[in-house]
Amino acid sequence: HAIQIKKDFGEAYFNRANIYSKIQNL
């Protein structure tokens, strides 16, 4: 949702990357 509202939201991409790494979507 954060990225949908703000396309260049670097911190949201960074934290989402963390989530994906935890659920093994490398």
mmCIF file of all heavy atoms, coordinates in Angstrom:
data_MODEL
# 
_entry.id   MODEL 
# 
loop_
_atom_site.group_PDB 
_atom_site.id 
_atom_site.type_symbol 
_atom_site.label_atom_id 
_atom_site.label_alt_id 
_atom_site.label_comp_id 
_atom_site.label_asym_id 
_atom_site.label_entity_id 
_atom_site.label_seq_id 
_atom_site.pdbx_PDB_ins_code 
_atom_site.Cartn_x 
_atom_site.Cartn_y 
_atom_site.Cartn_z 
_atom_site.occupancy 
_atom_site.B_iso_or_equiv 
_atom_site.pdbx_formal_charge 
_atom_site.auth_seq_id 
_atom_site.auth_comp_id 
_atom_site.auth_asym_id 
_atom_site.auth_atom_id 
_atom_site.pdbx_PDB_model_num 
ATOM 1   N N   . HIS A 1 1  ? 0.827  -1.204  0.000  1.00 0.00 ? 1  HIS A N   1 
ATOM 2   C CA  . HIS A 1 1  ? 0.000  0.000   0.000  1.00 0.00 ? 1  HIS A CA  1 
ATOM 3   C C   . HIS A 1 1  ? 0.866  1.261   0.000  1.00 0.00 ? 1  HIS A C   1 
ATOM 4   O O   . HIS A 1 1  ? 0.571  2.225   -0.720 1.00 0.00 ? 1  HIS A O   1 
ATOM 5   C CB  . HIS A 1 1  ? -0.906 0.014   1.236  1.00 0.00 ? 1  HIS A CB  1 
ATOM 6   C CG  . HIS A 1 1  ? -2.188 -0.714  1.041  1.00 0.00 ? 1  HIS A CG  1 
ATOM 7   N ND1 . HIS A 1 1  ? -2.381 -2.014  1.465  1.00 0.00 ? 1  HIS A ND1 1 
ATOM 8   C CD2 . HIS A 1 1  ? -3.353 -0.331  0.460  1.00 0.00 ? 1  HIS A CD2 1 
ATOM 9   C CE1 . HIS A 1 1  ? -3.605 -2.401  1.169  1.00 0.00 ? 1  HIS A CE1 1 
ATOM 10  N NE2 . HIS A 1 1  ? -4.221 -1.394  0.554  1.00 0.00 ? 1  HIS A NE2 1 
ATOM 11  N N   . ALA A 1 2  ? 1.920  1.243   0.790  1.00 0.00 ? 2  ALA A N   1 
ATOM 12  C CA  . ALA A 1 2  ? 2.813  2.408   0.857  1.00 0.00 ? 2  ALA A CA  1 
ATOM 13  C C   . ALA A 1 2  ? 3.423  2.690   -0.512 1.00 0.00 ? 2  ALA A C   1 
ATOM 14  O O   . ALA A 1 2  ? 3.499  3.852   -0.945 1.00 0.00 ? 2  ALA A O   1 
ATOM 15  C CB  . ALA A 1 2  ? 3.899  2.173   1.901  1.00 0.00 ? 2  ALA A CB  1 
ATOM 16  N N   . ILE A 1 3  ? 3.843  1.625   -1.208 1.00 0.00 ? 3  ILE A N   1 
ATOM 17  C CA  . ILE A 1 3  ? 4.474  1.787   -2.525 1.00 0.00 ? 3  ILE A CA  1 
ATOM 18  C C   . ILE A 1 3  ? 3.451  2.223   -3.572 1.00 0.00 ? 3  ILE A C   1 
ATOM 19  O O   . ILE A 1 3  ? 3.772  3.012   -4.474 1.00 0.00 ? 3  ILE A O   1 
ATOM 20  C CB  . ILE A 1 3  ? 5.188  0.479   -2.920 1.00 0.00 ? 3  ILE A CB  1 
ATOM 21  C CG1 . ILE A 1 3  ? 6.428  0.285   -2.025 1.00 0.00 ? 3  ILE A CG1 1 
ATOM 22  C CG2 . ILE A 1 3  ? 5.567  0.477   -4.395 1.00 0.00 ? 3  ILE A CG2 1 
ATOM 23  C CD1 . ILE A 1 3  ? 7.031  -1.104  -2.081 1.00 0.00 ? 3  ILE A CD1 1 
ATOM 24  N N   . GLN A 1 4  ? 2.232  1.752   -3.450 1.00 0.00 ? 4  GLN A N   1 
ATOM 25  C CA  . GLN A 1 4  ? 1.188  2.190   -4.383 1.00 0.00 ? 4  GLN A CA  1 
ATOM 26  C C   . GLN A 1 4  ? 0.936  3.690   -4.277 1.00 0.00 ? 4  GLN A C   1 
ATOM 27  O O   . GLN A 1 4  ? 0.703  4.372   -5.274 1.00 0.00 ? 4  GLN A O   1 
ATOM 28  C CB  . GLN A 1 4  ? -0.115 1.438   -4.109 1.00 0.00 ? 4  GLN A CB  1 
ATOM 29  C CG  . GLN A 1 4  ? -0.110 -0.008  -4.591 1.00 0.00 ? 4  GLN A CG  1 
ATOM 30  C CD  . GLN A 1 4  ? -1.348 -0.767  -4.131 1.00 0.00 ? 4  GLN A CD  1 
ATOM 31  O OE1 . GLN A 1 4  ? -2.273 -0.174  -3.558 1.00 0.00 ? 4  GLN A OE1 1 
ATOM 32  N NE2 . GLN A 1 4  ? -1.367 -2.072  -4.369 1.00 0.00 ? 4  GLN A NE2 1 
ATOM 33  N N   . ILE A 1 5  ? 1.005  4.192   -3.066 1.00 0.00 ? 5  ILE A N   1 
ATOM 34  C CA  . ILE A 1 5  ? 0.763  5.622   -2.847 1.00 0.00 ? 5  ILE A CA  1 
ATOM 35  C C   . ILE A 1 5  ? 1.988  6.443   -3.258 1.00 0.00 ? 5  ILE A C   1 
ATOM 36  O O   . ILE A 1 5  ? 1.849  7.510   -3.864 1.00 0.00 ? 5  ILE A O   1 
ATOM 37  C CB  . ILE A 1 5  ? 0.423  5.880   -1.364 1.00 0.00 ? 5  ILE A CB  1 
ATOM 38  C CG1 . ILE A 1 5  ? -0.871 5.153   -0.977 1.00 0.00 ? 5  ILE A CG1 1 
ATOM 39  C CG2 . ILE A 1 5  ? 0.273  7.380   -1.093 1.00 0.00 ? 5  ILE A CG2 1 
ATOM 40  C CD1 . ILE A 1 5  ? -1.122 5.096   0.518  1.00 0.00 ? 5  ILE A CD1 1 
ATOM 41  N N   . LYS A 1 6  ? 3.180  5.914   -2.949 1.00 0.00 ? 6  LYS A N   1 
ATOM 42  C CA  . LYS A 1 6  ? 4.418  6.644   -3.231 1.00 0.00 ? 6  LYS A CA  1 
ATOM 43  C C   . LYS A 1 6  ? 5.375  5.710   -3.970 1.00 0.00 ? 6  LYS A C   1 
ATOM 44  O O   . LYS A 1 6  ? 6.015  4.844   -3.361 1.00 0.00 ? 6  LYS A O   1 
ATOM 45  C CB  . LYS A 1 6  ? 5.040  7.137   -1.918 1.00 0.00 ? 6  LYS A CB  1 
ATOM 46  C CG  . LYS A 1 6  ? 6.283  7.991   -2.083 1.00 0.00 ? 6  LYS A CG  1 
ATOM 47  C CD  . LYS A 1 6  ? 6.803  8.441   -0.715 1.00 0.00 ? 6  LYS A CD  1 
ATOM 48  C CE  . LYS A 1 6  ? 8.066  9.268   -0.862 1.00 0.00 ? 6  LYS A CE  1 
ATOM 49  N NZ  . LYS A 1 6  ? 8.604  9.683   0.461  1.00 0.00 ? 6  LYS A NZ  1 
ATOM 50  N N   . LYS A 1 7  ? 5.457  5.892   -5.267 1.00 0.00 ? 7  LYS A N   1 
ATOM 51  C CA  . LYS A 1 7  ? 6.181  4.949   -6.135 1.00 0.00 ? 7  LYS A CA  1 
ATOM 52  C C   . LYS A 1 7  ? 7.673  4.889   -5.843 1.00 0.00 ? 7  LYS A C   1 
ATOM 53  O O   . LYS A 1 7  ? 8.313  3.863   -6.085 1.00 0.00 ? 7  LYS A O   1 
ATOM 54  C CB  . LYS A 1 7  ? 5.972  5.320   -7.609 1.00 0.00 ? 7  LYS A CB  1 
ATOM 55  C CG  . LYS A 1 7  ? 4.517  5.347   -8.061 1.00 0.00 ? 7  LYS A CG  1 
ATOM 56  C CD  . LYS A 1 7  ? 3.865  3.989   -7.905 1.00 0.00 ? 7  LYS A CD  1 
ATOM 57  C CE  . LYS A 1 7  ? 2.418  4.009   -8.403 1.00 0.00 ? 7  LYS A CE  1 
ATOM 58  N NZ  . LYS A 1 7  ? 1.725  2.730   -8.157 1.00 0.00 ? 7  LYS A NZ  1 
ATOM 59  N N   . ASP A 1 8  ? 8.251  5.977   -5.360 1.00 0.00 ? 8  ASP A N   1 
ATOM 60  C CA  . ASP A 1 8  ? 9.699  5.998   -5.113 1.00 0.00 ? 8  ASP A CA  1 
ATOM 61  C C   . ASP A 1 8  ? 10.013 5.960   -3.614 1.00 0.00 ? 8  ASP A C   1 
ATOM 62  O O   . ASP A 1 8  ? 10.948 6.600   -3.146 1.00 0.00 ? 8  ASP A O   1 
ATOM 63  C CB  . ASP A 1 8  ? 10.328 7.227   -5.749 1.00 0.00 ? 8  ASP A CB  1 
ATOM 64  C CG  . ASP A 1 8  ? 9.735  8.524   -5.207 1.00 0.00 ? 8  ASP A CG  1 
ATOM 65  O OD1 . ASP A 1 8  ? 8.687  8.461   -4.527 1.00 0.00 ? 8  ASP A OD1 1 
ATOM 66  O OD2 . ASP A 1 8  ? 10.329 9.602   -5.447 1.00 0.00 ? 8  ASP A OD2 1 
ATOM 67  N N   . PHE A 1 9  ? 9.245  5.200   -2.877 1.00 0.00 ? 9  PHE A N   1 
ATOM 68  C CA  . PHE A 1 9  ? 9.395  5.121   -1.422 1.00 0.00 ? 9  PHE A CA  1 
ATOM 69  C C   . PHE A 1 9  ? 10.478 4.096   -1.096 1.00 0.00 ? 9  PHE A C   1 
ATOM 70  O O   . PHE A 1 9  ? 10.219 2.907   -0.903 1.00 0.00 ? 9  PHE A O   1 
ATOM 71  C CB  . PHE A 1 9  ? 8.064  4.734   -0.790 1.00 0.00 ? 9  PHE A CB  1 
ATOM 72  C CG  . PHE A 1 9  ? 7.948  5.085   0.671  1.00 0.00 ? 9  PHE A CG  1 
ATOM 73  C CD1 . PHE A 1 9  ? 6.717  4.984   1.311  1.00 0.00 ? 9  PHE A CD1 1 
ATOM 74  C CD2 . PHE A 1 9  ? 9.027  5.511   1.433  1.00 0.00 ? 9  PHE A CD2 1 
ATOM 75  C CE1 . PHE A 1 9  ? 6.565  5.293   2.651  1.00 0.00 ? 9  PHE A CE1 1 
ATOM 76  C CE2 . PHE A 1 9  ? 8.894  5.818   2.766  1.00 0.00 ? 9  PHE A CE2 1 
ATOM 77  C CZ  . PHE A 1 9  ? 7.671  5.716   3.376  1.00 0.00 ? 9  PHE A CZ  1 
ATOM 78  N N   . GLY A 1 10 ? 11.719 4.570   -1.023 1.00 0.00 ? 10 GLY A N   1 
ATOM 79  C CA  . GLY A 1 10 ? 12.862 3.682   -0.857 1.00 0.00 ? 10 GLY A CA  1 
ATOM 80  C C   . GLY A 1 10 ? 12.792 2.811   0.376  1.00 0.00 ? 10 GLY A C   1 
ATOM 81  O O   . GLY A 1 10 ? 13.098 1.608   0.329  1.00 0.00 ? 10 GLY A O   1 
ATOM 82  N N   . GLU A 1 11 ? 12.365 3.374   1.500  1.00 0.00 ? 11 GLU A N   1 
ATOM 83  C CA  . GLU A 1 11 ? 12.314 2.599   2.742  1.00 0.00 ? 11 GLU A CA  1 
ATOM 84  C C   . GLU A 1 11 ? 11.281 1.483   2.662  1.00 0.00 ? 11 GLU A C   1 
ATOM 85  O O   . GLU A 1 11 ? 11.496 0.386   3.194  1.00 0.00 ? 11 GLU A O   1 
ATOM 86  C CB  . GLU A 1 11 ? 11.999 3.524   3.918  1.00 0.00 ? 11 GLU A CB  1 
ATOM 87  C CG  . GLU A 1 11 ? 12.131 2.837   5.281  1.00 0.00 ? 11 GLU A CG  1 
ATOM 88  C CD  . GLU A 1 11 ? 11.945 3.781   6.442  1.00 0.00 ? 11 GLU A CD  1 
ATOM 89  O OE1 . GLU A 1 11 ? 11.792 5.001   6.215  1.00 0.00 ? 11 GLU A OE1 1 
ATOM 90  O OE2 . GLU A 1 11 ? 11.956 3.303   7.601  1.00 0.00 ? 11 GLU A OE2 1 
ATOM 91  N N   . ALA A 1 12 ? 10.183 1.726   1.964  1.00 0.00 ? 12 ALA A N   1 
ATOM 92  C CA  . ALA A 1 12 ? 9.161  0.687   1.816  1.00 0.00 ? 12 ALA A CA  1 
ATOM 93  C C   . ALA A 1 12 ? 9.691  -0.463  0.961  1.00 0.00 ? 12 ALA A C   1 
ATOM 94  O O   . ALA A 1 12 ? 9.455  -1.641  1.264  1.00 0.00 ? 12 ALA A O   1 
ATOM 95  C CB  . ALA A 1 12 ? 7.894  1.273   1.193  1.00 0.00 ? 12 ALA A CB  1 
ATOM 96  N N   . TYR A 1 13 ? 10.426 -0.142  -0.107 1.00 0.00 ? 13 TYR A N   1 
ATOM 97  C CA  . TYR A 1 13 ? 11.038 -1.198  -0.935 1.00 0.00 ? 13 TYR A CA  1 
ATOM 98  C C   . TYR A 1 13 ? 12.055 -1.982  -0.115 1.00 0.00 ? 13 TYR A C   1 
ATOM 99  O O   . TYR A 1 13 ? 12.137 -3.222  -0.195 1.00 0.00 ? 13 TYR A O   1 
ATOM 100 C CB  . TYR A 1 13 ? 11.717 -0.588  -2.162 1.00 0.00 ? 13 TYR A CB  1 
ATOM 101 C CG  . TYR A 1 13 ? 10.766 -0.224  -3.265 1.00 0.00 ? 13 TYR A CG  1 
ATOM 102 C CD1 . TYR A 1 13 ? 10.398 1.098   -3.481 1.00 0.00 ? 13 TYR A CD1 1 
ATOM 103 C CD2 . TYR A 1 13 ? 10.234 -1.199  -4.117 1.00 0.00 ? 13 TYR A CD2 1 
ATOM 104 C CE1 . TYR A 1 13 ? 9.524  1.446   -4.499 1.00 0.00 ? 13 TYR A CE1 1 
ATOM 105 C CE2 . TYR A 1 13 ? 9.362  -0.862  -5.146 1.00 0.00 ? 13 TYR A CE2 1 
ATOM 106 C CZ  . TYR A 1 13 ? 9.006  0.465   -5.325 1.00 0.00 ? 13 TYR A CZ  1 
ATOM 107 O OH  . TYR A 1 13 ? 8.131  0.793   -6.338 1.00 0.00 ? 13 TYR A OH  1 
ATOM 108 N N   . PHE A 1 14 ? 12.848 -1.262  0.677  1.00 0.00 ? 14 PHE A N   1 
ATOM 109 C CA  . PHE A 1 14 ? 13.876 -1.906  1.506  1.00 0.00 ? 14 PHE A CA  1 
ATOM 110 C C   . PHE A 1 14 ? 13.231 -2.885  2.495  1.00 0.00 ? 14 PHE A C   1 
ATOM 111 O O   . PHE A 1 14 ? 13.678 -4.033  2.637  1.00 0.00 ? 14 PHE A O   1 
ATOM 112 C CB  . PHE A 1 14 ? 14.646 -0.813  2.258  1.00 0.00 ? 14 PHE A CB  1 
ATOM 113 C CG  . PHE A 1 14 ? 15.724 -1.335  3.168  1.00 0.00 ? 14 PHE A CG  1 
ATOM 114 C CD1 . PHE A 1 14 ? 16.987 -1.621  2.697  1.00 0.00 ? 14 PHE A CD1 1 
ATOM 115 C CD2 . PHE A 1 14 ? 15.472 -1.526  4.529  1.00 0.00 ? 14 PHE A CD2 1 
ATOM 116 C CE1 . PHE A 1 14 ? 17.978 -2.102  3.547  1.00 0.00 ? 14 PHE A CE1 1 
ATOM 117 C CE2 . PHE A 1 14 ? 16.447 -2.001  5.384  1.00 0.00 ? 14 PHE A CE2 1 
ATOM 118 C CZ  . PHE A 1 14 ? 17.706 -2.282  4.886  1.00 0.00 ? 14 PHE A CZ  1 
ATOM 119 N N   . ASN A 1 15 ? 12.179 -2.434  3.175  1.00 0.00 ? 15 ASN A N   1 
ATOM 120 C CA  . ASN A 1 15 ? 11.522 -3.295  4.160  1.00 0.00 ? 15 ASN A CA  1 
ATOM 121 C C   . ASN A 1 15 ? 10.766 -4.443  3.500  1.00 0.00 ? 15 ASN A C   1 
ATOM 122 O O   . ASN A 1 15 ? 10.687 -5.551  4.054  1.00 0.00 ? 15 ASN A O   1 
ATOM 123 C CB  . ASN A 1 15 ? 10.570 -2.463  5.021  1.00 0.00 ? 15 ASN A CB  1 
ATOM 124 C CG  . ASN A 1 15 ? 11.309 -1.539  5.970  1.00 0.00 ? 15 ASN A CG  1 
ATOM 125 O OD1 . ASN A 1 15 ? 12.537 -1.530  6.011  1.00 0.00 ? 15 ASN A OD1 1 
ATOM 126 N ND2 . ASN A 1 15 ? 10.589 -0.739  6.718  1.00 0.00 ? 15 ASN A ND2 1 
ATOM 127 N N   . ARG A 1 16 ? 10.233 -4.177  2.317  1.00 0.00 ? 16 ARG A N   1 
ATOM 128 C CA  . ARG A 1 16 ? 9.553  -5.260  1.620  1.00 0.00 ? 16 ARG A CA  1 
ATOM 129 C C   . ARG A 1 16 ? 10.560 -6.321  1.172  1.00 0.00 ? 16 ARG A C   1 
ATOM 130 O O   . ARG A 1 16 ? 10.260 -7.529  1.194  1.00 0.00 ? 16 ARG A O   1 
ATOM 131 C CB  . ARG A 1 16 ? 8.774  -4.714  0.427  1.00 0.00 ? 16 ARG A CB  1 
ATOM 132 C CG  . ARG A 1 16 ? 7.820  -5.746  -0.181 1.00 0.00 ? 16 ARG A CG  1 
ATOM 133 C CD  . ARG A 1 16 ? 6.900  -5.156  -1.219 1.00 0.00 ? 16 ARG A CD  1 
ATOM 134 N NE  . ARG A 1 16 ? 7.618  -4.840  -2.458 1.00 0.00 ? 16 ARG A NE  1 
ATOM 135 C CZ  . ARG A 1 16 ? 7.006  -4.447  -3.584 1.00 0.00 ? 16 ARG A CZ  1 
ATOM 136 N NH1 . ARG A 1 16 ? 5.683  -4.311  -3.607 1.00 0.00 ? 16 ARG A NH1 1 
ATOM 137 N NH2 . ARG A 1 16 ? 7.705  -4.167  -4.661 1.00 0.00 ? 16 ARG A NH2 1 
ATOM 138 N N   . ALA A 1 17 ? 11.749 -5.876  0.808  1.00 0.00 ? 17 ALA A N   1 
ATOM 139 C CA  . ALA A 1 17 ? 12.804 -6.833  0.461  1.00 0.00 ? 17 ALA A CA  1 
ATOM 140 C C   . ALA A 1 17 ? 13.113 -7.736  1.653  1.00 0.00 ? 17 ALA A C   1 
ATOM 141 O O   . ALA A 1 17 ? 13.344 -8.947  1.513  1.00 0.00 ? 17 ALA A O   1 
ATOM 142 C CB  . ALA A 1 17 ? 14.062 -6.088  0.022  1.00 0.00 ? 17 ALA A CB  1 
ATOM 143 N N   . ASN A 1 18 ? 13.108 -7.160  2.840  1.00 0.00 ? 18 ASN A N   1 
ATOM 144 C CA  . ASN A 1 18 ? 13.333 -7.923  4.064  1.00 0.00 ? 18 ASN A CA  1 
ATOM 145 C C   . ASN A 1 18 ? 12.268 -9.004  4.232  1.00 0.00 ? 18 ASN A C   1 
ATOM 146 O O   . ASN A 1 18 ? 12.564 -10.157 4.577  1.00 0.00 ? 18 ASN A O   1 
ATOM 147 C CB  . ASN A 1 18 ? 13.335 -6.965  5.251  1.00 0.00 ? 18 ASN A CB  1 
ATOM 148 C CG  . ASN A 1 18 ? 13.725 -7.640  6.550  1.00 0.00 ? 18 ASN A CG  1 
ATOM 149 O OD1 . ASN A 1 18 ? 14.212 -8.779  6.571  1.00 0.00 ? 18 ASN A OD1 1 
ATOM 150 N ND2 . ASN A 1 18 ? 13.490 -6.949  7.668  1.00 0.00 ? 18 ASN A ND2 1 
ATOM 151 N N   . ILE A 1 19 ? 11.001 -8.610  3.971  1.00 0.00 ? 19 ILE A N   1 
ATOM 152 C CA  . ILE A 1 19 ? 9.904  -9.583  4.066  1.00 0.00 ? 19 ILE A CA  1 
ATOM 153 C C   . ILE A 1 19 ? 10.101 -10.716 3.059  1.00 0.00 ? 19 ILE A C   1 
ATOM 154 O O   . ILE A 1 19 ? 9.995  -11.910 3.401  1.00 0.00 ? 19 ILE A O   1 
ATOM 155 C CB  . ILE A 1 19 ? 8.546  -8.901  3.809  1.00 0.00 ? 19 ILE A CB  1 
ATOM 156 C CG1 . ILE A 1 19 ? 8.218  -7.916  4.934  1.00 0.00 ? 19 ILE A CG1 1 
ATOM 157 C CG2 . ILE A 1 19 ? 7.430  -9.939  3.669  1.00 0.00 ? 19 ILE A CG2 1 
ATOM 158 C CD1 . ILE A 1 19 ? 7.796  -8.546  6.223  1.00 0.00 ? 19 ILE A CD1 1 
ATOM 159 N N   . TYR A 1 20 ? 10.398 -10.347 1.823  1.00 0.00 ? 20 TYR A N   1 
ATOM 160 C CA  . TYR A 1 20 ? 10.556 -11.368 0.785  1.00 0.00 ? 20 TYR A CA  1 
ATOM 161 C C   . TYR A 1 20 ? 11.696 -12.327 1.116  1.00 0.00 ? 20 TYR A C   1 
ATOM 162 O O   . TYR A 1 20 ? 11.628 -13.540 0.856  1.00 0.00 ? 20 TYR A O   1 
ATOM 163 C CB  . TYR A 1 20 ? 10.796 -10.713 -0.575 1.00 0.00 ? 20 TYR A CB  1 
ATOM 164 C CG  . TYR A 1 20 ? 9.539  -10.197 -1.235 1.00 0.00 ? 20 TYR A CG  1 
ATOM 165 C CD1 . TYR A 1 20 ? 9.485  -8.901  -1.761 1.00 0.00 ? 20 TYR A CD1 1 
ATOM 166 C CD2 . TYR A 1 20 ? 8.412  -11.005 -1.355 1.00 0.00 ? 20 TYR A CD2 1 
ATOM 167 C CE1 . TYR A 1 20 ? 8.336  -8.422  -2.369 1.00 0.00 ? 20 TYR A CE1 1 
ATOM 168 C CE2 . TYR A 1 20 ? 7.262  -10.536 -1.965 1.00 0.00 ? 20 TYR A CE2 1 
ATOM 169 C CZ  . TYR A 1 20 ? 7.218  -9.245  -2.473 1.00 0.00 ? 20 TYR A CZ  1 
ATOM 170 O OH  . TYR A 1 20 ? 6.086  -8.783  -3.084 1.00 0.00 ? 20 TYR A OH  1 
ATOM 171 N N   . SER A 1 21 ? 12.766 -11.798 1.728  1.00 0.00 ? 21 SER A N   1 
ATOM 172 C CA  . SER A 1 21 ? 13.879 -12.685 2.087  1.00 0.00 ? 21 SER A CA  1 
ATOM 173 C C   . SER A 1 21 ? 13.463 -13.664 3.187  1.00 0.00 ? 21 SER A C   1 
ATOM 174 O O   . SER A 1 21 ? 13.895 -14.822 3.201  1.00 0.00 ? 21 SER A O   1 
ATOM 175 C CB  . SER A 1 21 ? 15.082 -11.859 2.552  1.00 0.00 ? 21 SER A CB  1 
ATOM 176 O OG  . SER A 1 21 ? 14.841 -11.260 3.814  1.00 0.00 ? 21 SER A OG  1 
ATOM 177 N N   . LYS A 1 22 ? 12.588 -13.206 4.080  1.00 0.00 ? 22 LYS A N   1 
ATOM 178 C CA  . LYS A 1 22 ? 12.143 -14.073 5.171  1.00 0.00 ? 22 LYS A CA  1 
ATOM 179 C C   . LYS A 1 22 ? 11.213 -15.175 4.676  1.00 0.00 ? 22 LYS A C   1 
ATOM 180 O O   . LYS A 1 22 ? 11.161 -16.264 5.263  1.00 0.00 ? 22 LYS A O   1 
ATOM 181 C CB  . LYS A 1 22 ? 11.450 -13.233 6.259  1.00 0.00 ? 22 LYS A CB  1 
ATOM 182 C CG  . LYS A 1 22 ? 12.426 -12.347 7.054  1.00 0.00 ? 22 LYS A CG  1 
ATOM 183 C CD  . LYS A 1 22 ? 11.711 -11.580 8.143  1.00 0.00 ? 22 LYS A CD  1 
ATOM 184 C CE  . LYS A 1 22 ? 12.676 -10.695 8.923  1.00 0.00 ? 22 LYS A CE  1 
ATOM 185 N NZ  . LYS A 1 22 ? 13.724 -11.444 9.652  1.00 0.00 ? 22 LYS A NZ  1 
ATOM 186 N N   . ILE A 1 23 ? 10.459 -14.884 3.620  1.00 0.00 ? 23 ILE A N   1 
ATOM 187 C CA  . ILE A 1 23 ? 9.544  -15.916 3.097  1.00 0.00 ? 23 ILE A CA  1 
ATOM 188 C C   . ILE A 1 23 ? 10.156 -16.630 1.885  1.00 0.00 ? 23 ILE A C   1 
ATOM 189 O O   . ILE A 1 23 ? 9.453  -17.273 1.106  1.00 0.00 ? 23 ILE A O   1 
ATOM 190 C CB  . ILE A 1 23 ? 8.163  -15.298 2.755  1.00 0.00 ? 23 ILE A CB  1 
ATOM 191 C CG1 . ILE A 1 23 ? 8.295  -14.235 1.656  1.00 0.00 ? 23 ILE A CG1 1 
ATOM 192 C CG2 . ILE A 1 23 ? 7.517  -14.714 3.995  1.00 0.00 ? 23 ILE A CG2 1 
ATOM 193 C CD1 . ILE A 1 23 ? 6.942  -13.665 1.191  1.00 0.00 ? 23 ILE A CD1 1 
ATOM 194 N N   . GLN A 1 24 ? 11.463 -16.436 1.729  1.00 0.00 ? 24 GLN A N   1 
ATOM 195 C CA  . GLN A 1 24 ? 12.244 -17.155 0.726  1.00 0.00 ? 24 GLN A CA  1 
ATOM 196 C C   . GLN A 1 24 ? 11.900 -16.789 -0.721 1.00 0.00 ? 24 GLN A C   1 
ATOM 197 O O   . GLN A 1 24 ? 12.127 -17.572 -1.644 1.00 0.00 ? 24 GLN A O   1 
ATOM 198 C CB  . GLN A 1 24 ? 12.088 -18.676 0.913  1.00 0.00 ? 24 GLN A CB  1 
ATOM 199 C CG  . GLN A 1 24 ? 12.545 -19.177 2.272  1.00 0.00 ? 24 GLN A CG  1 
ATOM 200 C CD  . GLN A 1 24 ? 14.001 -18.846 2.546  1.00 0.00 ? 24 GLN A CD  1 
ATOM 201 O OE1 . GLN A 1 24 ? 14.877 -19.143 1.730  1.00 0.00 ? 24 GLN A OE1 1 
ATOM 202 N NE2 . GLN A 1 24 ? 14.270 -18.208 3.689  1.00 0.00 ? 24 GLN A NE2 1 
ATOM 203 N N   . ASN A 1 25 ? 11.398 -15.605 -0.946 1.00 0.00 ? 25 ASN A N   1 
ATOM 204 C CA  . ASN A 1 25 ? 11.206 -15.120 -2.313 1.00 0.00 ? 25 ASN A CA  1 
ATOM 205 C C   . ASN A 1 25 ? 12.408 -14.232 -2.638 1.00 0.00 ? 25 ASN A C   1 
ATOM 206 O O   . ASN A 1 25 ? 12.320 -13.002 -2.693 1.00 0.00 ? 25 ASN A O   1 
ATOM 207 C CB  . ASN A 1 25 ? 9.894  -14.339 -2.413 1.00 0.00 ? 25 ASN A CB  1 
ATOM 208 C CG  . ASN A 1 25 ? 9.545  -13.983 -3.853 1.00 0.00 ? 25 ASN A CG  1 
ATOM 209 O OD1 . ASN A 1 25 ? 10.400 -14.007 -4.729 1.00 0.00 ? 25 ASN A OD1 1 
ATOM 210 N ND2 . ASN A 1 25 ? 8.275  -13.650 -4.086 1.00 0.00 ? 25 ASN A ND2 1 
ATOM 211 N N   . LEU A 1 26 ? 13.554 -14.872 -2.874 1.00 0.00 ? 26 LEU A N   1 
ATOM 212 C CA  . LEU A 1 26 ? 14.817 -14.142 -3.013 1.00 0.00 ? 26 LEU A CA  1 
ATOM 213 C C   . LEU A 1 26 ? 14.877 -13.319 -4.294 1.00 0.00 ? 26 LEU A C   1 
ATOM 214 O O   . LEU A 1 26 ? 15.527 -12.264 -4.335 1.00 0.00 ? 26 LEU A O   1 
ATOM 215 C CB  . LEU A 1 26 ? 15.982 -15.117 -2.959 1.00 0.00 ? 26 LEU A CB  1 
ATOM 216 C CG  . LEU A 1 26 ? 16.109 -15.877 -1.623 1.00 0.00 ? 26 LEU A CG  1 
ATOM 217 C CD1 . LEU A 1 26 ? 17.288 -16.835 -1.674 1.00 0.00 ? 26 LEU A CD1 1 
ATOM 218 C CD2 . LEU A 1 26 ? 16.264 -14.912 -0.461 1.00 0.00 ? 26 LEU A CD2 1 
# 
